[in-house]
Amino acid sequence: MSSGDGTTVLWRPTGPEELALVRESGWRRWPPRLPDQPIFYPVLNEDYAVMIARDWNVPASGAGYVTRFRVDSEFVSRYPVQQVGGQTILELWVPAEELDEFNEHIVGLIEVVHEFH
């Protein structure tokens, strides 16, 4: 999980609406959660993010994107890894009220690494 430079690489599958808000932030922040989204779920495995973007976001909104970003490892260690399926189905569960603080610990830019339509 940790990349050796004090950061942890995470991925986030997302649809076009959320991605537009990330773009508006200058690729530096995740937007606030909606009222029915109490948790922000970044994932620890690129293949898992691809599966969600391709198999869930595309049917739901016509497009799916996989983003990659780095977060300060010491900060992100407060969130225990959640295994929500097979061995590689790993997520962090960040409460919506902590997302602003989480965003402050992103190192560098959020980048799109895969796109599906």
PDB file of N, CA and C in Angstrom:
ATOM      1  N   MET A   1       0.825  -1.194   0.000  1.00  0.00           N
ATOM      2  CA  MET A   1       0.000   0.000   0.000  1.00  0.00           C
ATOM      3  C   MET A   1       0.867   1.254   0.000  1.00  0.00           C
ATOM      4  N   SER A   2       1.820   1.369   0.897  1.00  0.00           N
ATOM      5  CA  SER A   2       2.688   2.541   0.956  1.00  0.00           C
ATOM      6  C   SER A   2       3.706   2.476  -0.177  1.00  0.00           C
ATOM      7  N   SER A   3       4.025   3.625  -0.757  1.00  0.00           N
ATOM      8  CA  SER A   3       4.890   3.629  -1.936  1.00  0.00           C
ATOM      9  C   SER A   3       6.346   3.948  -1.624  1.00  0.00           C
ATOM     10  N   GLY A   4       6.707   4.075  -0.351  1.00  0.00           N
ATOM     11  CA  GLY A   4       8.105   4.302  -0.005  1.00  0.00           C
ATOM     12  C   GLY A   4       8.492   5.766   0.074  1.00  0.00           C
ATOM     13  N   ASP A   5       7.635   6.663  -0.383  1.00  0.00           N
ATOM     14  CA  ASP A   5       7.942   8.099  -0.320  1.00  0.00           C
ATOM     15  C   ASP A   5       7.063   8.803   0.712  1.00  0.00           C
ATOM     16  N   GLY A   6       6.481   8.019   1.622  1.00  0.00           N
ATOM     17  CA  GLY A   6       5.612   8.605   2.643  1.00  0.00           C
ATOM     18  C   GLY A   6       4.183   8.786   2.179  1.00  0.00           C
ATOM     19  N   THR A   7       3.877   8.285   0.970  1.00  0.00           N
ATOM     20  CA  THR A   7       2.504   8.374   0.478  1.00  0.00           C
ATOM     21  C   THR A   7       1.962   6.987   0.193  1.00  0.00           C
ATOM     22  N   THR A   8       0.649   6.912   0.149  1.00  0.00           N
ATOM     23  CA  THR A   8      -0.070   5.689  -0.191  1.00  0.00           C
ATOM     24  C   THR A   8      -0.840   5.953  -1.471  1.00  0.00           C
ATOM     25  N   VAL A   9      -0.718   5.049  -2.437  1.00  0.00           N
ATOM     26  CA  VAL A   9      -1.444   5.172  -3.701  1.00  0.00           C
ATOM     27  C   VAL A   9      -2.840   4.574  -3.528  1.00  0.00           C
ATOM     28  N   LEU A  10      -3.837   5.341  -3.923  1.00  0.00           N
ATOM     29  CA  LEU A  10      -5.221   4.887  -3.890  1.00  0.00           C
ATOM     30  C   LEU A  10      -5.849   5.096  -5.268  1.00  0.00           C
ATOM     31  N   TRP A  11      -6.919   4.372  -5.524  1.00  0.00           N
ATOM     32  CA  TRP A  11      -7.681   4.527  -6.754  1.00  0.00           C
ATOM     33  C   TRP A  11      -9.119   4.819  -6.386  1.00  0.00           C
ATOM     34  N   ARG A  12      -9.812   5.474  -7.306  1.00  0.00           N
ATOM     35  CA  ARG A  12     -11.232   5.761  -7.083  1.00  0.00           C
ATOM     36  C   ARG A  12     -11.954   5.620  -8.414  1.00  0.00           C
ATOM     37  N   PRO A  13     -12.870   4.635  -8.514  1.00  0.00           N
ATOM     38  CA  PRO A  13     -13.722   4.583  -9.692  1.00  0.00           C
ATOM     39  C   PRO A  13     -14.775   5.675  -9.563  1.00  0.00           C
ATOM     40  N   THR A  14     -15.084   6.344 -10.666  1.00  0.00           N
ATOM     41  CA  THR A  14     -16.017   7.458 -10.594  1.00  0.00           C
ATOM     42  C   THR A  14     -16.757   7.632 -11.911  1.00  0.00           C
ATOM     43  N   GLY A  15     -17.880   8.296 -11.832  1.00  0.00           N
ATOM     44  CA  GLY A  15     -18.655   8.615 -13.015  1.00  0.00           C
ATOM     45  C   GLY A  15     -18.374  10.033 -13.480  1.00  0.00           C
ATOM     46  N   PRO A  16     -19.018  10.435 -14.571  1.00  0.00           N
ATOM     47  CA  PRO A  16     -18.727  11.747 -15.166  1.00  0.00           C
ATOM     48  C   PRO A  16     -19.070  12.939 -14.271  1.00  0.00           C
ATOM     49  N   GLU A  17     -20.129  12.850 -13.475  1.00  0.00           N
ATOM     50  CA  GLU A  17     -20.513  14.001 -12.643  1.00  0.00           C
ATOM     51  C   GLU A  17     -19.469  14.270 -11.560  1.00  0.00           C
ATOM     52  N   GLU A  18     -19.066  13.215 -10.848  1.00  0.00           N
ATOM     53  CA  GLU A  18     -18.054  13.402  -9.810  1.00  0.00           C
ATOM     54  C   GLU A  18     -16.730  13.843 -10.432  1.00  0.00           C
ATOM     55  N   LEU A  19     -16.379  13.262 -11.579  1.00  0.00           N
ATOM     56  CA  LEU A  19     -15.116  13.629 -12.227  1.00  0.00           C
ATOM     57  C   LEU A  19     -15.115  15.107 -12.623  1.00  0.00           C
ATOM     58  N   ALA A  20     -16.248  15.628 -13.064  1.00  0.00           N
ATOM     59  CA  ALA A  20     -16.329  17.051 -13.420  1.00  0.00           C
ATOM     60  C   ALA A  20     -16.034  17.928 -12.204  1.00  0.00           C
ATOM     61  N   LEU A  21     -16.509  17.522 -11.026  1.00  0.00           N
ATOM     62  CA  LEU A  21     -16.246  18.289  -9.810  1.00  0.00           C
ATOM     63  C   LEU A  21     -14.770  18.202  -9.405  1.00  0.00           C
ATOM     64  N   VAL A  22     -14.153  17.049  -9.614  1.00  0.00           N
ATOM     65  CA  VAL A  22     -12.715  16.915  -9.340  1.00  0.00           C
ATOM     66  C   VAL A  22     -11.935  17.839 -10.277  1.00  0.00           C
ATOM     67  N   ARG A  23     -12.320  17.846 -11.560  1.00  0.00           N
ATOM     68  CA  ARG A  23     -11.662  18.726 -12.542  1.00  0.00           C
ATOM     69  C   ARG A  23     -11.786  20.189 -12.093  1.00  0.00           C
ATOM     70  N   GLU A  24     -12.990  20.592 -11.635  1.00  0.00           N
ATOM     71  CA  GLU A  24     -13.210  21.977 -11.175  1.00  0.00           C
ATOM     72  C   GLU A  24     -12.309  22.335  -9.999  1.00  0.00           C
ATOM     73  N   SER A  25     -11.895  21.345  -9.207  1.00  0.00           N
ATOM     74  CA  SER A  25     -11.029  21.602  -8.055  1.00  0.00           C
ATOM     75  C   SER A  25      -9.560  21.745  -8.462  1.00  0.00           C
ATOM     76  N   GLY A  26      -9.285  21.640  -9.763  1.00  0.00           N
ATOM     77  CA  GLY A  26      -7.900  21.655 -10.219  1.00  0.00           C
ATOM     78  C   GLY A  26      -7.230  20.301 -10.018  1.00  0.00           C
ATOM     79  N   TRP A  27      -8.048  19.241  -9.956  1.00  0.00           N
ATOM     80  CA  TRP A  27      -7.574  17.860  -9.765  1.00  0.00           C
ATOM     81  C   TRP A  27      -6.925  17.670  -8.391  1.00  0.00           C
ATOM     82  N   ARG A  28      -7.409  18.413  -7.370  1.00  0.00           N
ATOM     83  CA  ARG A  28      -6.803  18.356  -6.047  1.00  0.00           C
ATOM     84  C   ARG A  28      -7.722  17.867  -4.937  1.00  0.00           C
ATOM     85  N   ARG A  29      -9.038  17.789  -5.181  1.00  0.00           N
ATOM     86  CA  ARG A  29      -9.975  17.476  -4.094  1.00  0.00           C
ATOM     87  C   ARG A  29     -11.119  16.608  -4.597  1.00  0.00           C
ATOM     88  N   TRP A  30     -11.631  15.798  -3.682  1.00  0.00           N
ATOM     89  CA  TRP A  30     -12.867  15.065  -3.936  1.00  0.00           C
ATOM     90  C   TRP A  30     -14.024  15.914  -3.450  1.00  0.00           C
ATOM     91  N   PRO A  31     -15.149  15.934  -4.176  1.00  0.00           N
ATOM     92  CA  PRO A  31     -16.286  16.767  -3.775  1.00  0.00           C
ATOM     93  C   PRO A  31     -16.972  16.215  -2.535  1.00  0.00           C
ATOM     94  N   PRO A  32     -17.705  17.071  -1.828  1.00  0.00           N
ATOM     95  CA  PRO A  32     -18.457  16.605  -0.655  1.00  0.00           C
ATOM     96  C   PRO A  32     -19.408  15.481  -1.054  1.00  0.00           C
ATOM     97  N   ARG A  33     -19.660  14.603  -0.127  1.00  0.00           N
ATOM     98  CA  ARG A  33     -20.613  13.512  -0.360  1.00  0.00           C
ATOM     99  C   ARG A  33     -22.024  14.079  -0.403  1.00  0.00           C
ATOM    100  N   LEU A  34     -22.898  13.412  -1.133  1.00  0.00           N
ATOM    101  CA  LEU A  34     -24.314  13.753  -1.142  1.00  0.00           C
ATOM    102  C   LEU A  34     -24.944  13.195   0.132  1.00  0.00           C
ATOM    103  N   PRO A  35     -26.139  13.680   0.501  1.00  0.00           N
ATOM    104  CA  PRO A  35     -26.757  13.217   1.751  1.00  0.00           C
ATOM    105  C   PRO A  35     -26.900  11.694   1.849  1.00  0.00           C
ATOM    106  N   ASP A  36     -27.086  11.015   0.722  1.00  0.00           N
ATOM    107  CA  ASP A  36     -27.233   9.555   0.762  1.00  0.00           C
ATOM    108  C   ASP A  36     -25.893   8.827   0.603  1.00  0.00           C
ATOM    109  N   GLN A  37     -24.790   9.566   0.734  1.00  0.00           N
ATOM    110  CA  GLN A  37     -23.443   8.990   0.620  1.00  0.00           C
ATOM    111  C   GLN A  37     -22.648   9.317   1.888  1.00  0.00           C
ATOM    112  N   PRO A  38     -22.853   8.562   2.964  1.00  0.00           N
ATOM    113  CA  PRO A  38     -22.192   8.895   4.226  1.00  0.00           C
ATOM    114  C   PRO A  38     -20.701   8.540   4.255  1.00  0.00           C
ATOM    115  N   ILE A  39     -20.242   7.775   3.258  1.00  0.00           N
ATOM    116  CA  ILE A  39     -18.851   7.318   3.270  1.00  0.00           C
ATOM    117  C   ILE A  39     -18.226   7.524   1.894  1.00  0.00           C
ATOM    118  N   PHE A  40     -16.966   7.938   1.878  1.00  0.00           N
ATOM    119  CA  PHE A  40     -16.145   8.038   0.670  1.00  0.00           C
ATOM    120  C   PHE A  40     -15.296   6.775   0.618  1.00  0.00           C
ATOM    121  N   TYR A  41     -15.328   6.088  -0.523  1.00  0.00           N
ATOM    122  CA  TYR A  41     -14.664   4.783  -0.648  1.00  0.00           C
ATOM    123  C   TYR A  41     -13.527   4.810  -1.669  1.00  0.00           C
ATOM    124  N   PRO A  42     -12.313   5.184  -1.300  1.00  0.00           N
ATOM    125  CA  PRO A  42     -11.200   4.932  -2.217  1.00  0.00           C
ATOM    126  C   PRO A  42     -10.807   3.457  -2.104  1.00  0.00           C
ATOM    127  N   VAL A  43     -10.238   2.908  -3.161  1.00  0.00           N
ATOM    128  CA  VAL A  43      -9.874   1.484  -3.141  1.00  0.00           C
ATOM    129  C   VAL A  43      -8.361   1.322  -3.240  1.00  0.00           C
ATOM    130  N   LEU A  44      -7.874   0.140  -2.827  1.00  0.00           N
ATOM    131  CA  LEU A  44      -6.441  -0.109  -2.722  1.00  0.00           C
ATOM    132  C   LEU A  44      -5.894  -0.926  -3.878  1.00  0.00           C
ATOM    133  N   ASN A  45      -6.730  -1.193  -4.878  1.00  0.00           N
ATOM    134  CA  ASN A  45      -6.332  -2.098  -5.941  1.00  0.00           C
ATOM    135  C   ASN A  45      -6.851  -1.559  -7.269  1.00  0.00           C
ATOM    136  N   GLU A  46      -5.964  -1.344  -8.207  1.00  0.00           N
ATOM    137  CA  GLU A  46      -6.349  -0.784  -9.501  1.00  0.00           C
ATOM    138  C   GLU A  46      -7.338  -1.688 -10.236  1.00  0.00           C
ATOM    139  N   ASP A  47      -7.130  -3.008 -10.192  1.00  0.00           N
ATOM    140  CA  ASP A  47      -8.037  -3.924 -10.894  1.00  0.00           C
ATOM    141  C   ASP A  47      -9.458  -3.843 -10.346  1.00  0.00           C
ATOM    142  N   TYR A  48      -9.584  -3.700  -9.038  1.00  0.00           N
ATOM    143  CA  TYR A  48     -10.898  -3.560  -8.419  1.00  0.00           C
ATOM    144  C   TYR A  48     -11.554  -2.253  -8.881  1.00  0.00           C
ATOM    145  N   ALA A  49     -10.792  -1.175  -8.943  1.00  0.00           N
ATOM    146  CA  ALA A  49     -11.323   0.110  -9.416  1.00  0.00           C
ATOM    147  C   ALA A  49     -11.777   0.004 -10.872  1.00  0.00           C
ATOM    148  N   VAL A  50     -11.009  -0.689 -11.708  1.00  0.00           N
ATOM    149  CA  VAL A  50     -11.381  -0.886 -13.115  1.00  0.00           C
ATOM    150  C   VAL A  50     -12.706  -1.644 -13.200  1.00  0.00           C
ATOM    151  N   MET A  51     -12.843  -2.701 -12.405  1.00  0.00           N
ATOM    152  CA  MET A  51     -14.066  -3.503 -12.423  1.00  0.00           C
ATOM    153  C   MET A  51     -15.288  -2.645 -12.082  1.00  0.00           C
ATOM    154  N   ILE A  52     -15.177  -1.805 -11.055  1.00  0.00           N
ATOM    155  CA  ILE A  52     -16.308  -0.953 -10.660  1.00  0.00           C
ATOM    156  C   ILE A  52     -16.608   0.075 -11.751  1.00  0.00           C
ATOM    157  N   ALA A  53     -15.573   0.742 -12.266  1.00  0.00           N
ATOM    158  CA  ALA A  53     -15.785   1.774 -13.290  1.00  0.00           C
ATOM    159  C   ALA A  53     -16.442   1.180 -14.535  1.00  0.00           C
ATOM    160  N   ARG A  54     -15.963   0.019 -14.950  1.00  0.00           N
ATOM    161  CA  ARG A  54     -16.444  -0.608 -16.184  1.00  0.00           C
ATOM    162  C   ARG A  54     -17.819  -1.245 -15.992  1.00  0.00           C
ATOM    163  N   ASP A  55     -18.000  -1.972 -14.876  1.00  0.00           N
ATOM    164  CA  ASP A  55     -19.200  -2.785 -14.699  1.00  0.00           C
ATOM    165  C   ASP A  55     -20.329  -2.072 -13.967  1.00  0.00           C
ATOM    166  N   TRP A  56     -20.024  -0.987 -13.264  1.00  0.00           N
ATOM    167  CA  TRP A  56     -21.065  -0.283 -12.522  1.00  0.00           C
ATOM    168  C   TRP A  56     -21.266   1.140 -13.043  1.00  0.00           C
ATOM    169  N   ASN A  57     -20.175   1.927 -13.147  1.00  0.00           N
ATOM    170  CA  ASN A  57     -20.326   3.319 -13.570  1.00  0.00           C
ATOM    171  C   ASN A  57     -20.816   3.443 -15.014  1.00  0.00           C
ATOM    172  N   VAL A  58     -20.317   2.609 -15.925  1.00  0.00           N
ATOM    173  CA  VAL A  58     -20.738   2.722 -17.329  1.00  0.00           C
ATOM    174  C   VAL A  58     -22.241   2.468 -17.474  1.00  0.00           C
ATOM    175  N   PRO A  59     -22.788   1.357 -16.942  1.00  0.00           N
ATOM    176  CA  PRO A  59     -24.233   1.171 -17.060  1.00  0.00           C
ATOM    177  C   PRO A  59     -25.040   2.258 -16.344  1.00  0.00           C
ATOM    178  N   ALA A  60     -24.514   2.767 -15.228  1.00  0.00           N
ATOM    179  CA  ALA A  60     -25.255   3.759 -14.428  1.00  0.00           C
ATOM    180  C   ALA A  60     -25.259   5.146 -15.073  1.00  0.00           C
ATOM    181  N   SER A  61     -24.151   5.511 -15.746  1.00  0.00           N
ATOM    182  CA  SER A  61     -24.052   6.898 -16.227  1.00  0.00           C
ATOM    183  C   SER A  61     -23.442   7.032 -17.627  1.00  0.00           C
ATOM    184  N   GLY A  62     -23.178   5.926 -18.292  1.00  0.00           N
ATOM    185  CA  GLY A  62     -22.650   5.993 -19.653  1.00  0.00           C
ATOM    186  C   GLY A  62     -21.140   6.074 -19.749  1.00  0.00           C
ATOM    187  N   ALA A  63     -20.476   6.340 -18.631  1.00  0.00           N
ATOM    188  CA  ALA A  63     -19.014   6.422 -18.630  1.00  0.00           C
ATOM    189  C   ALA A  63     -18.499   6.079 -17.241  1.00  0.00           C
ATOM    190  N   GLY A  64     -17.315   5.502 -17.216  1.00  0.00           N
ATOM    191  CA  GLY A  64     -16.660   5.200 -15.954  1.00  0.00           C
ATOM    192  C   GLY A  64     -15.198   5.550 -16.062  1.00  0.00           C
ATOM    193  N   TYR A  65     -14.651   6.083 -14.994  1.00  0.00           N
ATOM    194  CA  TYR A  65     -13.255   6.517 -14.973  1.00  0.00           C
ATOM    195  C   TYR A  65     -12.582   5.919 -13.750  1.00  0.00           C
ATOM    196  N   VAL A  66     -11.307   5.601 -13.897  1.00  0.00           N
ATOM    197  CA  VAL A  66     -10.499   5.186 -12.752  1.00  0.00           C
ATOM    198  C   VAL A  66      -9.487   6.288 -12.513  1.00  0.00           C
ATOM    199  N   THR A  67      -9.487   6.809 -11.305  1.00  0.00           N
ATOM    200  CA  THR A  67      -8.511   7.829 -10.934  1.00  0.00           C
ATOM    201  C   THR A  67      -7.488   7.216  -9.991  1.00  0.00           C
ATOM    202  N   ARG A  68      -6.315   7.820  -9.994  1.00  0.00           N
ATOM    203  CA  ARG A  68      -5.236   7.409  -9.082  1.00  0.00           C
ATOM    204  C   ARG A  68      -4.742   8.663  -8.382  1.00  0.00           C
ATOM    205  N   PHE A  69      -4.458   8.519  -7.094  1.00  0.00           N
ATOM    206  CA  PHE A  69      -3.949   9.659  -6.338  1.00  0.00           C
ATOM    207  C   PHE A  69      -3.165   9.148  -5.144  1.00  0.00           C
ATOM    208  N   ARG A  70      -2.396  10.032  -4.543  1.00  0.00           N
ATOM    209  CA  ARG A  70      -1.566   9.685  -3.389  1.00  0.00           C
ATOM    210  C   ARG A  70      -2.026  10.481  -2.173  1.00  0.00           C
ATOM    211  N   VAL A  71      -1.957   9.816  -1.030  1.00  0.00           N
ATOM    212  CA  VAL A  71      -2.338  10.437   0.235  1.00  0.00           C
ATOM    213  C   VAL A  71      -1.212  10.188   1.226  1.00  0.00           C
ATOM    214  N   ASP A  72      -0.977  11.149   2.109  1.00  0.00           N
ATOM    215  CA  ASP A  72       0.021  10.995   3.160  1.00  0.00           C
ATOM    216  C   ASP A  72      -0.245   9.696   3.932  1.00  0.00           C
ATOM    217  N   SER A  73       0.742   8.797   3.952  1.00  0.00           N
ATOM    218  CA  SER A  73       0.565   7.466   4.560  1.00  0.00           C
ATOM    219  C   SER A  73       0.243   7.522   6.048  1.00  0.00           C
ATOM    220  N   GLU A  74       0.910   8.410   6.762  1.00  0.00           N
ATOM    221  CA  GLU A  74       0.660   8.493   8.203  1.00  0.00           C
ATOM    222  C   GLU A  74      -0.790   8.881   8.469  1.00  0.00           C
ATOM    223  N   PHE A  75      -1.311   9.851   7.708  1.00  0.00           N
ATOM    224  CA  PHE A  75      -2.700  10.274   7.876  1.00  0.00           C
ATOM    225  C   PHE A  75      -3.661   9.141   7.516  1.00  0.00           C
ATOM    226  N   VAL A  76      -3.449   8.529   6.365  1.00  0.00           N
ATOM    227  CA  VAL A  76      -4.414   7.551   5.851  1.00  0.00           C
ATOM    228  C   VAL A  76      -4.418   6.265   6.676  1.00  0.00           C
ATOM    229  N   SER A  77      -3.388   6.050   7.480  1.00  0.00           N
ATOM    230  CA  SER A  77      -3.335   4.833   8.309  1.00  0.00           C
ATOM    231  C   SER A  77      -4.430   4.815   9.374  1.00  0.00           C
ATOM    232  N   ARG A  78      -5.082   5.956   9.617  1.00  0.00           N
ATOM    233  CA  ARG A  78      -6.181   5.984  10.593  1.00  0.00           C
ATOM    234  C   ARG A  78      -7.407   5.219  10.108  1.00  0.00           C
ATOM    235  N   TYR A  79      -7.461   4.945   8.798  1.00  0.00           N
ATOM    236  CA  TYR A  79      -8.606   4.245   8.228  1.00  0.00           C
ATOM    237  C   TYR A  79      -8.250   2.780   8.002  1.00  0.00           C
ATOM    238  N   PRO A  80      -8.840   1.857   8.763  1.00  0.00           N
ATOM    239  CA  PRO A  80      -8.500   0.445   8.567  1.00  0.00           C
ATOM    240  C   PRO A  80      -8.957  -0.031   7.192  1.00  0.00           C
ATOM    241  N   VAL A  81      -8.171  -0.928   6.623  1.00  0.00           N
ATOM    242  CA  VAL A  81      -8.516  -1.519   5.328  1.00  0.00           C
ATOM    243  C   VAL A  81      -9.731  -2.425   5.520  1.00  0.00           C
ATOM    244  N   GLN A  82     -10.717  -2.253   4.657  1.00  0.00           N
ATOM    245  CA  GLN A  82     -11.939  -3.060   4.703  1.00  0.00           C
ATOM    246  C   GLN A  82     -11.907  -4.048   3.539  1.00  0.00           C
ATOM    247  N   GLN A  83     -11.980  -5.339   3.831  1.00  0.00           N
ATOM    248  CA  GLN A  83     -12.055  -6.358   2.787  1.00  0.00           C
ATOM    249  C   GLN A  83     -13.533  -6.637   2.550  1.00  0.00           C
ATOM    250  N   VAL A  84     -14.031  -6.268   1.371  1.00  0.00           N
ATOM    251  CA  VAL A  84     -15.471  -6.325   1.114  1.00  0.00           C
ATOM    252  C   VAL A  84     -15.840  -7.403   0.099  1.00  0.00           C
ATOM    253  N   GLY A  85     -14.930  -8.306  -0.151  1.00  0.00           N
ATOM    254  CA  GLY A  85     -15.176  -9.395  -1.084  1.00  0.00           C
ATOM    255  C   GLY A  85     -13.961 -10.297  -1.059  1.00  0.00           C
ATOM    256  N   GLY A  86     -13.451 -10.644  -2.236  1.00  0.00           N
ATOM    257  CA  GLY A  86     -12.256 -11.478  -2.336  1.00  0.00           C
ATOM    258  C   GLY A  86     -11.023 -10.777  -1.775  1.00  0.00           C
ATOM    259  N   GLN A  87      -9.896 -11.451  -1.838  1.00  0.00           N
ATOM    260  CA  GLN A  87      -8.655 -10.945  -1.243  1.00  0.00           C
ATOM    261  C   GLN A  87      -8.241  -9.572  -1.765  1.00  0.00           C
ATOM    262  N   THR A  88      -8.584  -9.248  -3.011  1.00  0.00           N
ATOM    263  CA  THR A  88      -8.142  -7.979  -3.590  1.00  0.00           C
ATOM    264  C   THR A  88      -9.254  -6.925  -3.594  1.00  0.00           C
ATOM    265  N   ILE A  89     -10.380  -7.221  -2.969  1.00  0.00           N
ATOM    266  CA  ILE A  89     -11.500  -6.274  -2.921  1.00  0.00           C
ATOM    267  C   ILE A  89     -11.345  -5.461  -1.630  1.00  0.00           C
ATOM    268  N   LEU A  90     -10.471  -4.465  -1.690  1.00  0.00           N
ATOM    269  CA  LEU A  90     -10.075  -3.711  -0.499  1.00  0.00           C
ATOM    270  C   LEU A  90     -10.410  -2.234  -0.658  1.00  0.00           C
ATOM    271  N   GLU A  91     -10.986  -1.666   0.385  1.00  0.00           N
ATOM    272  CA  GLU A  91     -11.388  -0.261   0.387  1.00  0.00           C
ATOM    273  C   GLU A  91     -10.980   0.399   1.698  1.00  0.00           C
ATOM    274  N   LEU A  92     -10.951   1.719   1.661  1.00  0.00           N
ATOM    275  CA  LEU A  92     -10.919   2.510   2.890  1.00  0.00           C
ATOM    276  C   LEU A  92     -12.291   3.150   3.021  1.00  0.00           C
ATOM    277  N   TRP A  93     -12.781   3.263   4.236  1.00  0.00           N
ATOM    278  CA  TRP A  93     -14.067   3.901   4.471  1.00  0.00           C
ATOM    279  C   TRP A  93     -13.811   5.215   5.201  1.00  0.00           C
ATOM    280  N   VAL A  94     -13.929   6.312   4.469  1.00  0.00           N
ATOM    281  CA  VAL A  94     -13.693   7.637   5.017  1.00  0.00           C
ATOM    282  C   VAL A  94     -15.057   8.294   5.270  1.00  0.00           C
ATOM    283  N   PRO A  95     -15.413   8.556   6.524  1.00  0.00           N
ATOM    284  CA  PRO A  95     -16.698   9.210   6.810  1.00  0.00           C
ATOM    285  C   PRO A  95     -16.805  10.556   6.080  1.00  0.00           C
ATOM    286  N   ALA A  96     -17.977  10.849   5.573  1.00  0.00           N
ATOM    287  CA  ALA A  96     -18.194  12.065   4.783  1.00  0.00           C
ATOM    288  C   ALA A  96     -17.709  13.315   5.525  1.00  0.00           C
ATOM    289  N   GLU A  97     -17.913  13.343   6.845  1.00  0.00           N
ATOM    290  CA  GLU A  97     -17.528  14.542   7.604  1.00  0.00           C
ATOM    291  C   GLU A  97     -16.014  14.693   7.717  1.00  0.00           C
ATOM    292  N   GLU A  98     -15.249  13.677   7.345  1.00  0.00           N
ATOM    293  CA  GLU A  98     -13.788  13.759   7.382  1.00  0.00           C
ATOM    294  C   GLU A  98     -13.171  13.979   5.994  1.00  0.00           C
ATOM    295  N   LEU A  99     -14.015  14.118   4.959  1.00  0.00           N
ATOM    296  CA  LEU A  99     -13.489  14.208   3.602  1.00  0.00           C
ATOM    297  C   LEU A  99     -12.668  15.478   3.376  1.00  0.00           C
ATOM    298  N   ASP A 100     -13.058  16.603   3.960  1.00  0.00           N
ATOM    299  CA  ASP A 100     -12.252  17.826   3.810  1.00  0.00           C
ATOM    300  C   ASP A 100     -10.837  17.611   4.341  1.00  0.00           C
ATOM    301  N   GLU A 101     -10.731  16.997   5.520  1.00  0.00           N
ATOM    302  CA  GLU A 101      -9.415  16.726   6.095  1.00  0.00           C
ATOM    303  C   GLU A 101      -8.645  15.727   5.229  1.00  0.00           C
ATOM    304  N   PHE A 102      -9.339  14.702   4.737  1.00  0.00           N
ATOM    305  CA  PHE A 102      -8.724  13.729   3.831  1.00  0.00           C
ATOM    306  C   PHE A 102      -8.149  14.449   2.610  1.00  0.00           C
ATOM    307  N   ASN A 103      -8.944  15.341   2.018  1.00  0.00           N
ATOM    308  CA  ASN A 103      -8.493  16.096   0.839  1.00  0.00           C
ATOM    309  C   ASN A 103      -7.223  16.901   1.124  1.00  0.00           C
ATOM    310  N   GLU A 104      -7.097  17.426   2.343  1.00  0.00           N
ATOM    311  CA  GLU A 104      -5.908  18.216   2.706  1.00  0.00           C
ATOM    312  C   GLU A 104      -4.641  17.369   2.712  1.00  0.00           C
ATOM    313  N   HIS A 105      -4.793  16.039   2.775  1.00  0.00           N
ATOM    314  CA  HIS A 105      -3.636  15.147   2.830  1.00  0.00           C
ATOM    315  C   HIS A 105      -3.334  14.464   1.491  1.00  0.00           C
ATOM    316  N   ILE A 106      -4.072  14.865   0.434  1.00  0.00           N
ATOM    317  CA  ILE A 106      -3.736  14.369  -0.908  1.00  0.00           C
ATOM    318  C   ILE A 106      -2.433  15.031  -1.327  1.00  0.00           C
ATOM    319  N   VAL A 107      -1.521  14.228  -1.853  1.00  0.00           N
ATOM    320  CA  VAL A 107      -0.211  14.713  -2.288  1.00  0.00           C
ATOM    321  C   VAL A 107      -0.204  14.709  -3.817  1.00  0.00           C
ATOM    322  N   GLY A 108      -0.040  15.894  -4.408  1.00  0.00           N
ATOM    323  CA  GLY A 108      -0.049  15.971  -5.870  1.00  0.00           C
ATOM    324  C   GLY A 108      -1.465  16.031  -6.414  1.00  0.00           C
ATOM    325  N   LEU A 109      -1.615  15.602  -7.660  1.00  0.00           N
ATOM    326  CA  LEU A 109      -2.893  15.714  -8.356  1.00  0.00           C
ATOM    327  C   LEU A 109      -3.595  14.366  -8.455  1.00  0.00           C
ATOM    328  N   ILE A 110      -4.908  14.436  -8.579  1.00  0.00           N
ATOM    329  CA  ILE A 110      -5.729  13.262  -8.886  1.00  0.00           C
ATOM    330  C   ILE A 110      -5.653  13.091 -10.404  1.00  0.00           C
ATOM    331  N   GLU A 111      -5.341  11.891 -10.869  1.00  0.00           N
ATOM    332  CA  GLU A 111      -5.208  11.697 -12.316  1.00  0.00           C
ATOM    333  C   GLU A 111      -6.114  10.575 -12.802  1.00  0.00           C
ATOM    334  N   VAL A 112      -6.631  10.726 -14.020  1.00  0.00           N
ATOM    335  CA  VAL A 112      -7.429   9.693 -14.656  1.00  0.00           C
ATOM    336  C   VAL A 112      -6.481   8.712 -15.322  1.00  0.00           C
ATOM    337  N   VAL A 113      -6.604   7.431 -14.986  1.00  0.00           N
ATOM    338  CA  VAL A 113      -5.717   6.413 -15.554  1.00  0.00           C
ATOM    339  C   VAL A 113      -6.437   5.430 -16.477  1.00  0.00           C
ATOM    340  N   HIS A 114      -7.785   5.371 -16.405  1.00  0.00           N
ATOM    341  CA  HIS A 114      -8.572   4.528 -17.296  1.00  0.00           C
ATOM    342  C   HIS A 114      -9.896   5.211 -17.558  1.00  0.00           C
ATOM    343  N   GLU A 115     -10.453   4.958 -18.738  1.00  0.00           N
ATOM    344  CA  GLU A 115     -11.734   5.549 -19.124  1.00  0.00           C
ATOM    345  C   GLU A 115     -12.524   4.499 -19.884  1.00  0.00           C
ATOM    346  N   PHE A 116     -13.807   4.348 -19.541  1.00  0.00           N
ATOM    347  CA  PHE A 116     -14.668   3.355 -20.185  1.00  0.00           C
ATOM    348  C   PHE A 116     -15.976   4.022 -20.600  1.00  0.00           C
ATOM    349  N   HIS A 117     -16.509   3.589 -21.756  1.00  0.00           N
ATOM    350  CA  HIS A 117     -17.791   4.121 -22.263  1.00  0.00           C
ATOM    351  C   HIS A 117     -18.672   2.973 -22.722  1.00  0.00           C
TER     352      HIS A 117
END
